[in-house]
Amino acid sequence: MPKLTFRNSRGQLVNVSTVAATRVKNEFDAILEQTMHDGVVAITRHDKPSAVILSFAEFESLVRERGRSRDEIDTEFDGLLANMQTPQARKGVEAAFNASPEEHRTQFGHGC
């Protein structure tokens, strides 16, 4: 079975623990504790992932992200883009576009 990974609510890429469905049935309290600690546990049947158990914190994070409207995402993107449009960045782009091939090789380190 391929290794399962999950980007948690803190943005970290973490490995997902897997447990067999029969173990969940027999040891639910222990699996619940593991889920609350790790954030997510995958349940397997016949060595194939078939479901996941999420901690409530991870569930809330997913709901929050999916609940964002297109307008909210557009506004966030526009703000990030505006922050990148500094005078220094504009000068750099202008210099790159206006440079001769020789200037590119010496100033920008490209072997064009």
C-alpha atoms as a PDB file:
ATOM      1  CA  MET A   1       0.000   0.000   0.000  1.00  0.00           C
ATOM      2  CA  PRO A   2       1.425   3.437  -0.911  1.00  0.00           C
ATOM      3  CA  LYS A   3       2.282   5.794   1.908  1.00  0.00           C
ATOM      4  CA  LEU A   4      -0.582   8.153   2.707  1.00  0.00           C
ATOM      5  CA  THR A   5       0.136  11.798   3.486  1.00  0.00           C
ATOM      6  CA  PHE A   6      -2.085  14.639   4.622  1.00  0.00           C
ATOM      7  CA  ARG A   7      -1.555  18.404   4.848  1.00  0.00           C
ATOM      8  CA  ASN A   8      -2.815  19.206   8.320  1.00  0.00           C
ATOM      9  CA  SER A   9      -4.398  22.419   9.554  1.00  0.00           C
ATOM     10  CA  ARG A  10      -0.928  23.843  10.338  1.00  0.00           C
ATOM     11  CA  GLY A  11       0.144  23.298   6.729  1.00  0.00           C
ATOM     12  CA  GLN A  12       2.489  20.434   7.578  1.00  0.00           C
ATOM     13  CA  LEU A  13       2.640  17.391   5.327  1.00  0.00           C
ATOM     14  CA  VAL A  14       2.302  14.434   7.700  1.00  0.00           C
ATOM     15  CA  ASN A  15       2.196  10.692   7.251  1.00  0.00           C
ATOM     16  CA  VAL A  16      -1.210   9.167   7.925  1.00  0.00           C
ATOM     17  CA  SER A  17      -1.332   6.157  10.210  1.00  0.00           C
ATOM     18  CA  THR A  18      -3.430   3.277   8.944  1.00  0.00           C
ATOM     19  CA  VAL A  19      -5.393   0.775  11.005  1.00  0.00           C
ATOM     20  CA  ALA A  20      -7.432  -2.230   9.965  1.00  0.00           C
ATOM     21  CA  ALA A  21     -11.201  -1.912  10.297  1.00  0.00           C
ATOM     22  CA  THR A  22     -11.290  -4.896  12.671  1.00  0.00           C
ATOM     23  CA  ARG A  23      -8.819  -3.141  14.968  1.00  0.00           C
ATOM     24  CA  VAL A  24     -11.003  -0.011  14.966  1.00  0.00           C
ATOM     25  CA  LYS A  25     -13.973  -2.177  15.923  1.00  0.00           C
ATOM     26  CA  ASN A  26     -12.063  -3.870  18.748  1.00  0.00           C
ATOM     27  CA  GLU A  27      -9.930  -0.935  19.987  1.00  0.00           C
ATOM     28  CA  PHE A  28     -12.026   2.139  19.237  1.00  0.00           C
ATOM     29  CA  ASP A  29     -10.938   4.087  22.341  1.00  0.00           C
ATOM     30  CA  ALA A  30      -7.248   3.651  21.500  1.00  0.00           C
ATOM     31  CA  ILE A  31      -7.816   4.605  17.849  1.00  0.00           C
ATOM     32  CA  LEU A  32      -9.806   7.665  18.945  1.00  0.00           C
ATOM     33  CA  GLU A  33      -6.914   8.760  21.177  1.00  0.00           C
ATOM     34  CA  GLN A  34      -4.479   8.236  18.287  1.00  0.00           C
ATOM     35  CA  THR A  35      -6.722  10.332  16.015  1.00  0.00           C
ATOM     36  CA  MET A  36      -6.921  13.172  18.521  1.00  0.00           C
ATOM     37  CA  HIS A  37      -3.113  13.112  18.812  1.00  0.00           C
ATOM     38  CA  ASP A  38      -2.253  12.680  15.108  1.00  0.00           C
ATOM     39  CA  GLY A  39      -5.216  14.534  13.601  1.00  0.00           C
ATOM     40  CA  VAL A  40      -6.147  11.777  11.157  1.00  0.00           C
ATOM     41  CA  VAL A  41      -6.142   7.987  10.907  1.00  0.00           C
ATOM     42  CA  ALA A  42      -6.973   5.986   7.783  1.00  0.00           C
ATOM     43  CA  ILE A  43      -9.065   2.852   8.158  1.00  0.00           C
ATOM     44  CA  THR A  44      -8.223  -0.018   5.821  1.00  0.00           C
ATOM     45  CA  ARG A  45     -10.161  -3.003   4.587  1.00  0.00           C
ATOM     46  CA  HIS A  46      -8.211  -5.755   2.866  1.00  0.00           C
ATOM     47  CA  ASP A  47      -5.134  -3.481   3.013  1.00  0.00           C
ATOM     48  CA  LYS A  48      -6.858  -0.700   1.044  1.00  0.00           C
ATOM     49  CA  PRO A  49      -7.812   2.667   2.589  1.00  0.00           C
ATOM     50  CA  SER A  50     -11.592   2.872   2.810  1.00  0.00           C
ATOM     51  CA  ALA A  51     -12.274   5.702   5.291  1.00  0.00           C
ATOM     52  CA  VAL A  52     -10.602   8.211   7.581  1.00  0.00           C
ATOM     53  CA  ILE A  53     -11.226   9.441  11.083  1.00  0.00           C
ATOM     54  CA  LEU A  54     -10.401  13.125  11.586  1.00  0.00           C
ATOM     55  CA  SER A  55      -9.910  14.987  14.813  1.00  0.00           C
ATOM     56  CA  PHE A  56     -12.498  17.694  15.318  1.00  0.00           C
ATOM     57  CA  ALA A  57      -9.812  20.382  14.895  1.00  0.00           C
ATOM     58  CA  GLU A  58      -8.842  18.994  11.475  1.00  0.00           C
ATOM     59  CA  PHE A  59     -12.499  18.697  10.482  1.00  0.00           C
ATOM     60  CA  GLU A  60     -13.148  22.337  11.445  1.00  0.00           C
ATOM     61  CA  SER A  61     -10.129  23.419   9.397  1.00  0.00           C
ATOM     62  CA  LEU A  62     -11.417  21.602   6.304  1.00  0.00           C
ATOM     63  CA  VAL A  63     -14.906  23.039   6.730  1.00  0.00           C
ATOM     64  CA  ARG A  64     -13.486  26.540   7.121  1.00  0.00           C
ATOM     65  CA  GLU A  65     -11.411  26.241   3.933  1.00  0.00           C
ATOM     66  CA  ARG A  66     -14.229  24.785   1.869  1.00  0.00           C
ATOM     67  CA  GLY A  67     -16.609  27.397   3.185  1.00  0.00           C
ATOM     68  CA  ARG A  68     -14.589  30.255   1.712  1.00  0.00           C
ATOM     69  CA  SER A  69     -16.370  31.976  -1.134  1.00  0.00           C
ATOM     70  CA  ARG A  70     -14.801  32.687  -4.490  1.00  0.00           C
ATOM     71  CA  ASP A  71     -14.896  36.408  -3.627  1.00  0.00           C
ATOM     72  CA  GLU A  72     -12.942  35.811  -0.405  1.00  0.00           C
ATOM     73  CA  ILE A  73     -10.297  33.830  -2.269  1.00  0.00           C
ATOM     74  CA  ASP A  74     -10.117  36.471  -5.034  1.00  0.00           C
ATOM     75  CA  THR A  75      -9.685  39.218  -2.438  1.00  0.00           C
ATOM     76  CA  GLU A  76      -6.894  37.300  -0.712  1.00  0.00           C
ATOM     77  CA  PHE A  77      -5.144  36.671  -4.061  1.00  0.00           C
ATOM     78  CA  ASP A  78      -5.446  40.338  -5.057  1.00  0.00           C
ATOM     79  CA  GLY A  79      -3.898  41.380  -1.746  1.00  0.00           C
ATOM     80  CA  LEU A  80      -0.994  38.968  -2.145  1.00  0.00           C
ATOM     81  CA  LEU A  81      -0.426  40.125  -5.729  1.00  0.00           C
ATOM     82  CA  ALA A  82      -0.506  43.783  -4.697  1.00  0.00           C
ATOM     83  CA  ASN A  83       2.123  43.097  -2.021  1.00  0.00           C
ATOM     84  CA  MET A  84       4.434  41.679  -4.712  1.00  0.00           C
ATOM     85  CA  GLN A  85       4.105  44.757  -6.923  1.00  0.00           C
ATOM     86  CA  THR A  86       6.795  46.829  -5.231  1.00  0.00           C
ATOM     87  CA  PRO A  87       8.786  49.522  -7.029  1.00  0.00           C
ATOM     88  CA  GLN A  88      11.912  47.375  -6.611  1.00  0.00           C
ATOM     89  CA  ALA A  89      10.203  44.374  -8.255  1.00  0.00           C
ATOM     90  CA  ARG A  90       8.982  46.532 -11.134  1.00  0.00           C
ATOM     91  CA  LYS A  91      12.497  47.895 -11.701  1.00  0.00           C
ATOM     92  CA  GLY A  92      13.878  44.361 -11.767  1.00  0.00           C
ATOM     93  CA  VAL A  93      11.328  43.168 -14.322  1.00  0.00           C
ATOM     94  CA  GLU A  94      11.867  46.261 -16.460  1.00  0.00           C
ATOM     95  CA  ALA A  95      15.639  45.781 -16.348  1.00  0.00           C
ATOM     96  CA  ALA A  96      15.281  42.129 -17.361  1.00  0.00           C
ATOM     97  CA  PHE A  97      13.014  42.918 -20.302  1.00  0.00           C
ATOM     98  CA  ASN A  98      15.148  45.813 -21.533  1.00  0.00           C
ATOM     99  CA  ALA A  99      18.537  44.121 -21.119  1.00  0.00           C
ATOM    100  CA  SER A 100      20.615  43.063 -24.089  1.00  0.00           C
ATOM    101  CA  PRO A 101      21.666  39.411 -24.433  1.00  0.00           C
ATOM    102  CA  GLU A 102      25.122  40.341 -23.115  1.00  0.00           C
ATOM    103  CA  GLU A 103      23.607  42.079 -20.077  1.00  0.00           C
ATOM    104  CA  HIS A 104      21.509  38.980 -19.407  1.00  0.00           C
ATOM    105  CA  ARG A 105      24.623  36.824 -19.369  1.00  0.00           C
ATOM    106  CA  THR A 106      26.535  39.117 -17.032  1.00  0.00           C
ATOM    107  CA  GLN A 107      23.800  40.568 -14.784  1.00  0.00           C
ATOM    108  CA  PHE A 108      21.306  37.752 -14.578  1.00  0.00           C
ATOM    109  CA  GLY A 109      23.661  34.775 -14.902  1.00  0.00           C
ATOM    110  CA  HIS A 110      21.819  33.159 -17.791  1.00  0.00           C
ATOM    111  CA  GLY A 111      23.693  31.449 -20.551  1.00  0.00           C
ATOM    112  CA  CYS A 112      21.271  32.717 -23.236  1.00  0.00           C
END
